[in-house]
Amino acid sequence: RIDGMIKGNVSSKAKIIIGQSGIVEGNIVCANIEIEGNVK
């Protein structure tokens, strides 16, 4: 679960949740993802 900020790639063999305050700037590879925040 990401509610903070990540500048880099994210990889998970399971589920990723990006909360409303979450920011990801990088590529993502995962099984499932739920996005409420910002992804670039």
Full PDB file with SEQRES, HELIX, SHEET, SSBOND, CRYST1, ORIGX, SCALE, CONECT and MASTER records, all heavy atoms in Angstrom:
SEQRES   1 A   40  ARG ILE ASP GLY MET ILE LYS GLY ASN VAL SER SER LYS          
SEQRES   2 A   40  ALA LYS ILE ILE ILE GLY GLN SER GLY ILE VAL GLU GLY          
SEQRES   3 A   40  ASN ILE VAL CYS ALA ASN ILE GLU ILE GLU GLY ASN VAL          
SEQRES   4 A   40  LYS                                                          
SHEET    1 AA1 3 MET A   5  LYS A   7  0                                        
SHEET    2 AA1 3 ILE A  23  GLU A  25  1                                        
SHEET    3 AA1 3 ASN A  38  VAL A  39  1                                        
SHEET    1 AA2 2 VAL A  10  SER A  11  0                                        
SHEET    2 AA2 2 ILE A  28  VAL A  29  1                                        
SHEET    1 AA3 2 LYS A  15  ILE A  18  0                                        
SHEET    2 AA3 2 ASN A  32  ILE A  35  1                                        
CRYST1    1.000    1.000    1.000  90.00  90.00  90.00 P 1           1          
ORIGX1      1.000000  0.000000  0.000000        0.00000                         
ORIGX2      0.000000  1.000000  0.000000        0.00000                         
ORIGX3      0.000000  0.000000  1.000000        0.00000                         
SCALE1      1.000000  0.000000  0.000000        0.00000                         
SCALE2      0.000000  1.000000  0.000000        0.00000                         
SCALE3      0.000000  0.000000  1.000000        0.00000                         
ATOM      1  N   ARG A   1       0.863  -1.182   0.000  1.00  0.00           N  
ATOM      2  CA  ARG A   1       0.000   0.000   0.000  1.00  0.00           C  
ATOM      3  C   ARG A   1       0.896   1.227   0.000  1.00  0.00           C  
ATOM      4  O   ARG A   1       1.803   1.340   0.828  1.00  0.00           O  
ATOM      5  CB  ARG A   1      -0.932   0.033   1.200  1.00  0.00           C  
ATOM      6  CG  ARG A   1      -1.809   1.271   1.179  1.00  0.00           C  
ATOM      7  CD  ARG A   1      -2.899   1.276   2.214  1.00  0.00           C  
ATOM      8  NE  ARG A   1      -3.638   2.517   2.103  1.00  0.00           N  
ATOM      9  CZ  ARG A   1      -4.775   2.674   1.451  1.00  0.00           C  
ATOM     10  NH1 ARG A   1      -5.323   1.640   0.852  1.00  0.00           N  
ATOM     11  NH2 ARG A   1      -5.372   3.834   1.395  1.00  0.00           N  
ATOM     12  N   ILE A   2       0.620   2.141  -0.936  1.00  0.00           N  
ATOM     13  CA  ILE A   2       1.443   3.341  -1.075  1.00  0.00           C  
ATOM     14  C   ILE A   2       0.574   4.568  -0.828  1.00  0.00           C  
ATOM     15  O   ILE A   2      -0.336   4.865  -1.611  1.00  0.00           O  
ATOM     16  CB  ILE A   2       2.081   3.406  -2.483  1.00  0.00           C  
ATOM     17  CG1 ILE A   2       2.950   2.164  -2.719  1.00  0.00           C  
ATOM     18  CG2 ILE A   2       2.885   4.693  -2.644  1.00  0.00           C  
ATOM     19  CD1 ILE A   2       3.366   1.957  -4.158  1.00  0.00           C  
ATOM     20  N   ASP A   3       0.837   5.257   0.284  1.00  0.00           N  
ATOM     21  CA  ASP A   3       0.157   6.513   0.590  1.00  0.00           C  
ATOM     22  C   ASP A   3       1.136   7.677   0.519  1.00  0.00           C  
ATOM     23  O   ASP A   3       0.741   8.832   0.592  1.00  0.00           O  
ATOM     24  CB  ASP A   3      -0.498   6.453   1.975  1.00  0.00           C  
ATOM     25  CG  ASP A   3      -1.698   5.518   1.990  1.00  0.00           C  
ATOM     26  OD1 ASP A   3      -2.554   5.632   1.099  1.00  0.00           O  
ATOM     27  OD2 ASP A   3      -1.772   4.659   2.887  1.00  0.00           O  
ATOM     28  N   GLY A   4       2.429   7.364   0.391  1.00  0.00           N  
ATOM     29  CA  GLY A   4       3.469   8.370   0.253  1.00  0.00           C  
ATOM     30  C   GLY A   4       3.849   8.532  -1.202  1.00  0.00           C  
ATOM     31  O   GLY A   4       3.028   8.334  -2.098  1.00  0.00           O  
ATOM     32  N   MET A   5       5.130   8.878  -1.434  1.00  0.00           N  
ATOM     33  CA  MET A   5       5.608   9.134  -2.793  1.00  0.00           C  
ATOM     34  C   MET A   5       6.777   8.217  -3.126  1.00  0.00           C  
ATOM     35  O   MET A   5       7.683   8.055  -2.320  1.00  0.00           O  
ATOM     36  CB  MET A   5       6.054  10.583  -2.930  1.00  0.00           C  
ATOM     37  CG  MET A   5       6.593  10.943  -4.277  1.00  0.00           C  
ATOM     38  SD  MET A   5       7.087  12.668  -4.287  1.00  0.00           S  
ATOM     39  CE  MET A   5       7.203  12.954  -6.013  1.00  0.00           C  
ATOM     40  N   ILE A   6       6.725   7.614  -4.321  1.00  0.00           N  
ATOM     41  CA  ILE A   6       7.823   6.785  -4.805  1.00  0.00           C  
ATOM     42  C   ILE A   6       8.257   7.320  -6.160  1.00  0.00           C  
ATOM     43  O   ILE A   6       7.444   7.461  -7.074  1.00  0.00           O  
ATOM     44  CB  ILE A   6       7.416   5.298  -4.939  1.00  0.00           C  
ATOM     45  CG1 ILE A   6       7.092   4.718  -3.578  1.00  0.00           C  
ATOM     46  CG2 ILE A   6       8.538   4.509  -5.618  1.00  0.00           C  
ATOM     47  CD1 ILE A   6       6.693   3.263  -3.610  1.00  0.00           C  
ATOM     48  N   LYS A   7       9.552   7.639  -6.270  1.00  0.00           N  
ATOM     49  CA  LYS A   7      10.149   7.989  -7.560  1.00  0.00           C  
ATOM     50  C   LYS A   7      11.059   6.838  -7.931  1.00  0.00           C  
ATOM     51  O   LYS A   7      12.193   6.765  -7.471  1.00  0.00           O  
ATOM     52  CB  LYS A   7      10.936   9.293  -7.462  1.00  0.00           C  
ATOM     53  CG  LYS A   7      10.077  10.523  -7.361  1.00  0.00           C  
ATOM     54  CD  LYS A   7      10.903  11.780  -7.461  1.00  0.00           C  
ATOM     55  CE  LYS A   7       9.991  12.994  -7.442  1.00  0.00           C  
ATOM     56  NZ  LYS A   7      10.748  14.244  -7.596  1.00  0.00           N  
ATOM     57  N   GLY A   8      10.523   5.916  -8.704  1.00  0.00           N  
ATOM     58  CA  GLY A   8      11.244   4.717  -9.098  1.00  0.00           C  
ATOM     59  C   GLY A   8      10.252   3.657  -9.502  1.00  0.00           C  
ATOM     60  O   GLY A   8       9.035   3.835  -9.382  1.00  0.00           O  
ATOM     61  N   ASN A   9      10.745   2.542  -9.956  1.00  0.00           N  
ATOM     62  CA  ASN A   9       9.888   1.454 -10.409  1.00  0.00           C  
ATOM     63  C   ASN A   9       9.383   0.636  -9.231  1.00  0.00           C  
ATOM     64  O   ASN A   9      10.075   0.496  -8.225  1.00  0.00           O  
ATOM     65  CB  ASN A   9      10.652   0.557 -11.385  1.00  0.00           C  
ATOM     66  CG  ASN A   9      11.098   1.322 -12.612  1.00  0.00           C  
ATOM     67  OD1 ASN A   9      10.441   2.249 -13.068  1.00  0.00           O  
ATOM     68  ND2 ASN A   9      12.234   0.947 -13.159  1.00  0.00           N  
ATOM     69  N   VAL A  10       8.162   0.090  -9.373  1.00  0.00           N  
ATOM     70  CA  VAL A  10       7.542  -0.727  -8.331  1.00  0.00           C  
ATOM     71  C   VAL A  10       7.198  -2.082  -8.940  1.00  0.00           C  
ATOM     72  O   VAL A  10       6.580  -2.153  -9.999  1.00  0.00           O  
ATOM     73  CB  VAL A  10       6.271  -0.055  -7.773  1.00  0.00           C  
ATOM     74  CG1 VAL A  10       5.632  -0.925  -6.714  1.00  0.00           C  
ATOM     75  CG2 VAL A  10       6.583   1.330  -7.221  1.00  0.00           C  
ATOM     76  N   SER A  11       7.590  -3.153  -8.244  1.00  0.00           N  
ATOM     77  CA  SER A  11       7.315  -4.504  -8.715  1.00  0.00           C  
ATOM     78  C   SER A  11       6.812  -5.350  -7.554  1.00  0.00           C  
ATOM     79  O   SER A  11       7.429  -5.376  -6.489  1.00  0.00           O  
ATOM     80  CB  SER A  11       8.591  -5.120  -9.294  1.00  0.00           C  
ATOM     81  OG  SER A  11       8.361  -6.444  -9.673  1.00  0.00           O  
ATOM     82  N   SER A  12       5.676  -6.016  -7.763  1.00  0.00           N  
ATOM     83  CA  SER A  12       5.099  -6.879  -6.737  1.00  0.00           C  
ATOM     84  C   SER A  12       4.494  -8.108  -7.397  1.00  0.00           C  
ATOM     85  O   SER A  12       3.869  -8.004  -8.448  1.00  0.00           O  
ATOM     86  CB  SER A  12       4.021  -6.143  -5.948  1.00  0.00           C  
ATOM     87  OG  SER A  12       3.359  -7.029  -5.072  1.00  0.00           O  
ATOM     88  N   LYS A  13       4.645  -9.260  -6.749  1.00  0.00           N  
ATOM     89  CA  LYS A  13       4.015 -10.480  -7.252  1.00  0.00           C  
ATOM     90  C   LYS A  13       2.577 -10.576  -6.746  1.00  0.00           C  
ATOM     91  O   LYS A  13       1.890 -11.538  -7.029  1.00  0.00           O  
ATOM     92  CB  LYS A  13       4.811 -11.702  -6.806  1.00  0.00           C  
ATOM     93  CG  LYS A  13       6.176 -11.771  -7.469  1.00  0.00           C  
ATOM     94  CD  LYS A  13       6.924 -13.006  -7.070  1.00  0.00           C  
ATOM     95  CE  LYS A  13       8.288 -13.036  -7.746  1.00  0.00           C  
ATOM     96  NZ  LYS A  13       9.071 -14.195  -7.360  1.00  0.00           N  
ATOM     97  N   ALA A  14       2.137  -9.573  -5.996  1.00  0.00           N  
ATOM     98  CA  ALA A  14       0.794  -9.575  -5.414  1.00  0.00           C  
ATOM     99  C   ALA A  14       0.072  -8.281  -5.808  1.00  0.00           C  
ATOM    100  O   ALA A  14       0.228  -7.793  -6.915  1.00  0.00           O  
ATOM    101  CB  ALA A  14       0.893  -9.741  -3.905  1.00  0.00           C  
ATOM    102  N   LYS A  15      -0.708  -7.712  -4.887  1.00  0.00           N  
ATOM    103  CA  LYS A  15      -1.544  -6.539  -5.148  1.00  0.00           C  
ATOM    104  C   LYS A  15      -0.869  -5.266  -4.656  1.00  0.00           C  
ATOM    105  O   LYS A  15      -0.265  -5.250  -3.587  1.00  0.00           O  
ATOM    106  CB  LYS A  15      -2.899  -6.697  -4.454  1.00  0.00           C  
ATOM    107  CG  LYS A  15      -3.861  -5.566  -4.721  1.00  0.00           C  
ATOM    108  CD  LYS A  15      -5.215  -5.827  -4.109  1.00  0.00           C  
ATOM    109  CE  LYS A  15      -6.200  -4.730  -4.480  1.00  0.00           C  
ATOM    110  NZ  LYS A  15      -7.527  -5.006  -3.962  1.00  0.00           N  
ATOM    111  N   ILE A  16      -1.027  -4.201  -5.434  1.00  0.00           N  
ATOM    112  CA  ILE A  16      -0.565  -2.877  -5.048  1.00  0.00           C  
ATOM    113  C   ILE A  16      -1.786  -1.981  -4.921  1.00  0.00           C  
ATOM    114  O   ILE A  16      -2.658  -1.989  -5.792  1.00  0.00           O  
ATOM    115  CB  ILE A  16       0.403  -2.284  -6.089  1.00  0.00           C  
ATOM    116  CG1 ILE A  16       1.680  -3.121  -6.165  1.00  0.00           C  
ATOM    117  CG2 ILE A  16       0.734  -0.832  -5.766  1.00  0.00           C  
ATOM    118  CD1 ILE A  16       2.635  -2.688  -7.257  1.00  0.00           C  
ATOM    119  N   ILE A  17      -1.833  -1.212  -3.842  1.00  0.00           N  
ATOM    120  CA  ILE A  17      -2.880  -0.201  -3.661  1.00  0.00           C  
ATOM    121  C   ILE A  17      -2.183   1.140  -3.544  1.00  0.00           C  
ATOM    122  O   ILE A  17      -1.300   1.312  -2.699  1.00  0.00           O  
ATOM    123  CB  ILE A  17      -3.727  -0.466  -2.404  1.00  0.00           C  
ATOM    124  CG1 ILE A  17      -4.455  -1.800  -2.519  1.00  0.00           C  
ATOM    125  CG2 ILE A  17      -4.721   0.688  -2.183  1.00  0.00           C  
ATOM    126  CD1 ILE A  17      -5.189  -2.222  -1.259  1.00  0.00           C  
ATOM    127  N   ILE A  18      -2.580   2.078  -4.394  1.00  0.00           N  
ATOM    128  CA  ILE A  18      -2.056   3.435  -4.314  1.00  0.00           C  
ATOM    129  C   ILE A  18      -3.186   4.291  -3.769  1.00  0.00           C  
ATOM    130  O   ILE A  18      -4.188   4.533  -4.443  1.00  0.00           O  
ATOM    131  CB  ILE A  18      -1.563   3.931  -5.680  1.00  0.00           C  
ATOM    132  CG1 ILE A  18      -0.445   2.997  -6.175  1.00  0.00           C  
ATOM    133  CG2 ILE A  18      -1.078   5.371  -5.587  1.00  0.00           C  
ATOM    134  CD1 ILE A  18       0.023   3.266  -7.569  1.00  0.00           C  
ATOM    135  N   GLY A  19      -3.043   4.713  -2.507  1.00  0.00           N  
ATOM    136  CA  GLY A  19      -4.076   5.497  -1.823  1.00  0.00           C  
ATOM    137  C   GLY A  19      -4.241   6.880  -2.422  1.00  0.00           C  
ATOM    138  O   GLY A  19      -3.457   7.306  -3.277  1.00  0.00           O  
ATOM    139  N   GLN A  20      -5.246   7.620  -1.944  1.00  0.00           N  
ATOM    140  CA  GLN A  20      -5.550   8.947  -2.483  1.00  0.00           C  
ATOM    141  C   GLN A  20      -4.376   9.902  -2.387  1.00  0.00           C  
ATOM    142  O   GLN A  20      -4.186  10.733  -3.257  1.00  0.00           O  
ATOM    143  CB  GLN A  20      -6.764   9.541  -1.774  1.00  0.00           C  
ATOM    144  CG  GLN A  20      -8.064   8.937  -2.219  1.00  0.00           C  
ATOM    145  CD  GLN A  20      -9.272   9.684  -1.669  1.00  0.00           C  
ATOM    146  OE1 GLN A  20      -9.163  10.790  -1.163  1.00  0.00           O  
ATOM    147  NE2 GLN A  20     -10.425   9.053  -1.766  1.00  0.00           N  
ATOM    148  N   SER A  21      -3.564   9.788  -1.341  1.00  0.00           N  
ATOM    149  CA  SER A  21      -2.403  10.668  -1.195  1.00  0.00           C  
ATOM    150  C   SER A  21      -1.156  10.076  -1.848  1.00  0.00           C  
ATOM    151  O   SER A  21      -0.103  10.698  -1.857  1.00  0.00           O  
ATOM    152  CB  SER A  21      -2.132  10.936   0.285  1.00  0.00           C  
ATOM    153  OG  SER A  21      -1.838   9.723   0.957  1.00  0.00           O  
ATOM    154  N   GLY A  22      -1.270   8.874  -2.416  1.00  0.00           N  
ATOM    155  CA  GLY A  22      -0.127   8.185  -3.010  1.00  0.00           C  
ATOM    156  C   GLY A  22       0.263   8.727  -4.370  1.00  0.00           C  
ATOM    157  O   GLY A  22      -0.589   9.105  -5.171  1.00  0.00           O  
ATOM    158  N   ILE A  23       1.581   8.776  -4.598  1.00  0.00           N  
ATOM    159  CA  ILE A  23       2.127   9.235  -5.875  1.00  0.00           C  
ATOM    160  C   ILE A  23       3.233   8.261  -6.279  1.00  0.00           C  
ATOM    161  O   ILE A  23       4.129   7.981  -5.482  1.00  0.00           O  
ATOM    162  CB  ILE A  23       2.719  10.657  -5.760  1.00  0.00           C  
ATOM    163  CG1 ILE A  23       1.653  11.655  -5.337  1.00  0.00           C  
ATOM    164  CG2 ILE A  23       3.381  11.068  -7.075  1.00  0.00           C  
ATOM    165  CD1 ILE A  23       2.204  13.035  -4.987  1.00  0.00           C  
ATOM    166  N   VAL A  24       3.156   7.762  -7.505  1.00  0.00           N  
ATOM    167  CA  VAL A  24       4.210   6.907  -8.040  1.00  0.00           C  
ATOM    168  C   VAL A  24       4.647   7.494  -9.373  1.00  0.00           C  
ATOM    169  O   VAL A  24       3.823   7.726 -10.256  1.00  0.00           O  
ATOM    170  CB  VAL A  24       3.754   5.450  -8.224  1.00  0.00           C  
ATOM    171  CG1 VAL A  24       4.847   4.629  -8.901  1.00  0.00           C  
ATOM    172  CG2 VAL A  24       3.374   4.829  -6.895  1.00  0.00           C  
ATOM    173  N   GLU A  25       5.955   7.738  -9.491  1.00  0.00           N  
ATOM    174  CA  GLU A  25       6.544   8.198 -10.738  1.00  0.00           C  
ATOM    175  C   GLU A  25       7.556   7.146 -11.173  1.00  0.00           C  
ATOM    176  O   GLU A  25       8.711   7.193 -10.772  1.00  0.00           O  
ATOM    177  CB  GLU A  25       7.210   9.561 -10.562  1.00  0.00           C  
ATOM    178  CG  GLU A  25       6.224  10.673 -10.259  1.00  0.00           C  
ATOM    179  CD  GLU A  25       6.880  12.030 -10.066  1.00  0.00           C  
ATOM    180  OE1 GLU A  25       8.114  12.142 -10.235  1.00  0.00           O  
ATOM    181  OE2 GLU A  25       6.157  12.969  -9.721  1.00  0.00           O  
ATOM    182  N   GLY A  26       7.077   6.169 -11.916  1.00  0.00           N  
ATOM    183  CA  GLY A  26       7.920   5.071 -12.373  1.00  0.00           C  
ATOM    184  C   GLY A  26       7.058   3.943 -12.894  1.00  0.00           C  
ATOM    185  O   GLY A  26       5.842   3.931 -12.708  1.00  0.00           O  
ATOM    186  N   ASN A  27       7.671   2.986 -13.537  1.00  0.00           N  
ATOM    187  CA  ASN A  27       6.950   1.850 -14.094  1.00  0.00           C  
ATOM    188  C   ASN A  27       6.487   0.905 -12.994  1.00  0.00           C  
ATOM    189  O   ASN A  27       7.135   0.808 -11.945  1.00  0.00           O  
ATOM    190  CB  ASN A  27       7.828   1.112 -15.099  1.00  0.00           C  
ATOM    191  CG  ASN A  27       8.169   1.985 -16.286  1.00  0.00           C  
ATOM    192  OD1 ASN A  27       7.406   2.872 -16.664  1.00  0.00           O  
ATOM    193  ND2 ASN A  27       9.321   1.753 -16.870  1.00  0.00           N  
ATOM    194  N   ILE A  28       5.374   0.220 -13.246  1.00  0.00           N  
ATOM    195  CA  ILE A  28       4.798  -0.694 -12.267  1.00  0.00           C  
ATOM    196  C   ILE A  28       4.542  -2.041 -12.922  1.00  0.00           C  
ATOM    197  O   ILE A  28       3.998  -2.113 -14.028  1.00  0.00           O  
ATOM    198  CB  ILE A  28       3.477  -0.137 -11.690  1.00  0.00           C  
ATOM    199  CG1 ILE A  28       3.734   1.199 -10.986  1.00  0.00           C  
ATOM    200  CG2 ILE A  28       2.831  -1.142 -10.745  1.00  0.00           C  
ATOM    201  CD1 ILE A  28       2.480   1.913 -10.517  1.00  0.00           C  
ATOM    202  N   VAL A  29       4.920  -3.118 -12.217  1.00  0.00           N  
ATOM    203  CA  VAL A  29       4.626  -4.491 -12.635  1.00  0.00           C  
ATOM    204  C   VAL A  29       4.034  -5.183 -11.419  1.00  0.00           C  
ATOM    205  O   VAL A  29       4.637  -5.165 -10.341  1.00  0.00           O  
ATOM    206  CB  VAL A  29       5.905  -5.236 -13.094  1.00  0.00           C  
ATOM    207  CG1 VAL A  29       5.585  -6.684 -13.432  1.00  0.00           C  
ATOM    208  CG2 VAL A  29       6.545  -4.534 -14.274  1.00  0.00           C  
ATOM    209  N   CYS A  30       2.839  -5.795 -11.572  1.00  0.00           N  
ATOM    210  CA  CYS A  30       2.203  -6.455 -10.430  1.00  0.00           C  
ATOM    211  C   CYS A  30       1.119  -7.420 -10.900  1.00  0.00           C  
ATOM    212  O   CYS A  30       0.786  -7.468 -12.079  1.00  0.00           O  
ATOM    213  CB  CYS A  30       1.609  -5.419  -9.481  1.00  0.00           C  
ATOM    214  SG  CYS A  30       0.343  -4.391 -10.232  1.00  0.00           S  
ATOM    215  N   ALA A  31       0.551  -8.152  -9.936  1.00  0.00           N  
ATOM    216  CA  ALA A  31      -0.538  -9.070 -10.238  1.00  0.00           C  
ATOM    217  C   ALA A  31      -1.863  -8.311 -10.359  1.00  0.00           C  
ATOM    218  O   ALA A  31      -2.634  -8.524 -11.293  1.00  0.00           O  
ATOM    219  CB  ALA A  31      -0.640 -10.149  -9.167  1.00  0.00           C  
ATOM    220  N   ASN A  32      -2.148  -7.428  -9.398  1.00  0.00           N  
ATOM    221  CA  ASN A  32      -3.360  -6.601  -9.371  1.00  0.00           C  
ATOM    222  C   ASN A  32      -2.987  -5.232  -8.839  1.00  0.00           C  
ATOM    223  O   ASN A  32      -2.067  -5.116  -8.031  1.00  0.00           O  
ATOM    224  CB  ASN A  32      -4.418  -7.210  -8.441  1.00  0.00           C  
ATOM    225  CG  ASN A  32      -4.947  -8.518  -8.950  1.00  0.00           C  
ATOM    226  OD1 ASN A  32      -5.711  -8.563  -9.897  1.00  0.00           O  
ATOM    227  ND2 ASN A  32      -4.521  -9.607  -8.324  1.00  0.00           N  
ATOM    228  N   ILE A  33      -3.735  -4.202  -9.249  1.00  0.00           N  
ATOM    229  CA  ILE A  33      -3.481  -2.861  -8.740  1.00  0.00           C  
ATOM    230  C   ILE A  33      -4.787  -2.085  -8.611  1.00  0.00           C  
ATOM    231  O   ILE A  33      -5.689  -2.224  -9.448  1.00  0.00           O  
ATOM    232  CB  ILE A  33      -2.467  -2.093  -9.620  1.00  0.00           C  
ATOM    233  CG1 ILE A  33      -2.045  -0.784  -8.947  1.00  0.00           C  
ATOM    234  CG2 ILE A  33      -3.009  -1.860 -11.004  1.00  0.00           C  
ATOM    235  CD1 ILE A  33      -0.812  -0.142  -9.571  1.00  0.00           C  
ATOM    236  N   GLU A  34      -4.868  -1.310  -7.547  1.00  0.00           N  
ATOM    237  CA  GLU A  34      -6.004  -0.420  -7.307  1.00  0.00           C  
ATOM    238  C   GLU A  34      -5.417   0.976  -7.130  1.00  0.00           C  
ATOM    239  O   GLU A  34      -4.592   1.198  -6.248  1.00  0.00           O  
ATOM    240  CB  GLU A  34      -6.727  -0.858  -6.041  1.00  0.00           C  
ATOM    241  CG  GLU A  34      -7.976  -0.100  -5.725  1.00  0.00           C  
ATOM    242  CD  GLU A  34      -8.671  -0.677  -4.511  1.00  0.00           C  
ATOM    243  OE1 GLU A  34      -9.038  -1.874  -4.549  1.00  0.00           O  
ATOM    244  OE2 GLU A  34      -8.827   0.069  -3.523  1.00  0.00           O  
ATOM    245  N   ILE A  35      -5.827   1.911  -7.996  1.00  0.00           N  
ATOM    246  CA  ILE A  35      -5.261   3.254  -7.968  1.00  0.00           C  
ATOM    247  C   ILE A  35      -6.325   4.253  -7.535  1.00  0.00           C  
ATOM    248  O   ILE A  35      -7.368   4.372  -8.166  1.00  0.00           O  
ATOM    249  CB  ILE A  35      -4.684   3.643  -9.339  1.00  0.00           C  
ATOM    250  CG1 ILE A  35      -3.605   2.644  -9.767  1.00  0.00           C  
ATOM    251  CG2 ILE A  35      -4.125   5.066  -9.307  1.00  0.00           C  
ATOM    252  CD1 ILE A  35      -3.086   2.843 -11.180  1.00  0.00           C  
ATOM    253  N   GLU A  36      -6.025   4.971  -6.448  1.00  0.00           N  
ATOM    254  CA  GLU A  36      -6.869   6.066  -5.971  1.00  0.00           C  
ATOM    255  C   GLU A  36      -6.139   7.397  -6.108  1.00  0.00           C  
ATOM    256  O   GLU A  36      -6.753   8.443  -6.127  1.00  0.00           O  
ATOM    257  CB  GLU A  36      -7.243   5.846  -4.506  1.00  0.00           C  
ATOM    258  CG  GLU A  36      -8.035   4.591  -4.243  1.00  0.00           C  
ATOM    259  CD  GLU A  36      -8.252   4.330  -2.762  1.00  0.00           C  
ATOM    260  OE1 GLU A  36      -7.867   5.176  -1.927  1.00  0.00           O  
ATOM    261  OE2 GLU A  36      -8.816   3.276  -2.433  1.00  0.00           O  
ATOM    262  N   GLY A  37      -4.810   7.342  -6.181  1.00  0.00           N  
ATOM    263  CA  GLY A  37      -3.972   8.535  -6.222  1.00  0.00           C  
ATOM    264  C   GLY A  37      -3.429   8.812  -7.610  1.00  0.00           C  
ATOM    265  O   GLY A  37      -4.120   8.620  -8.607  1.00  0.00           O  
ATOM    266  N   ASN A  38      -2.162   9.249  -7.675  1.00  0.00           N  
ATOM    267  CA  ASN A  38      -1.543   9.694  -8.915  1.00  0.00           C  
ATOM    268  C   ASN A  38      -0.419   8.762  -9.348  1.00  0.00           C  
ATOM    269  O   ASN A  38       0.442   8.423  -8.535  1.00  0.00           O  
ATOM    270  CB  ASN A  38      -0.971  11.106  -8.740  1.00  0.00           C  
ATOM    271  CG  ASN A  38      -2.044  12.118  -8.451  1.00  0.00           C  
ATOM    272  OD1 ASN A  38      -2.856  12.416  -9.313  1.00  0.00           O  
ATOM    273  ND2 ASN A  38      -2.067  12.646  -7.238  1.00  0.00           N  
ATOM    274  N   VAL A  39      -0.444   8.398 -10.626  1.00  0.00           N  
ATOM    275  CA  VAL A  39       0.612   7.562 -11.195  1.00  0.00           C  
ATOM    276  C   VAL A  39       1.043   8.177 -12.522  1.00  0.00           C  
ATOM    277  O   VAL A  39       0.217   8.491 -13.377  1.00  0.00           O  
ATOM    278  CB  VAL A  39       0.131   6.114 -11.436  1.00  0.00           C  
ATOM    279  CG1 VAL A  39       1.207   5.309 -12.148  1.00  0.00           C  
ATOM    280  CG2 VAL A  39      -0.262   5.450 -10.130  1.00  0.00           C  
ATOM    281  N   LYS A  40       2.363   8.348 -12.655  1.00  0.00           N  
ATOM    282  CA  LYS A  40       2.945   8.806 -13.921  1.00  0.00           C  
ATOM    283  C   LYS A  40       3.986   7.763 -14.287  1.00  0.00           C  
ATOM    284  O   LYS A  40       5.011   7.647 -13.618  1.00  0.00           O  
ATOM    285  CB  LYS A  40       3.581  10.185 -13.774  1.00  0.00           C  
ATOM    286  CG  LYS A  40       4.104  10.748 -15.063  1.00  0.00           C  
ATOM    287  CD  LYS A  40       4.643  12.147 -14.885  1.00  0.00           C  
ATOM    288  CE  LYS A  40       5.136  12.682 -16.218  1.00  0.00           C  
ATOM    289  NZ  LYS A  40       5.713  14.035 -16.060  1.00  0.00           N  
TER     290      LYS A  40                                                      
MASTER        0    0    0    0    7    0    0    6  289    1    0    4          
END                                                                             
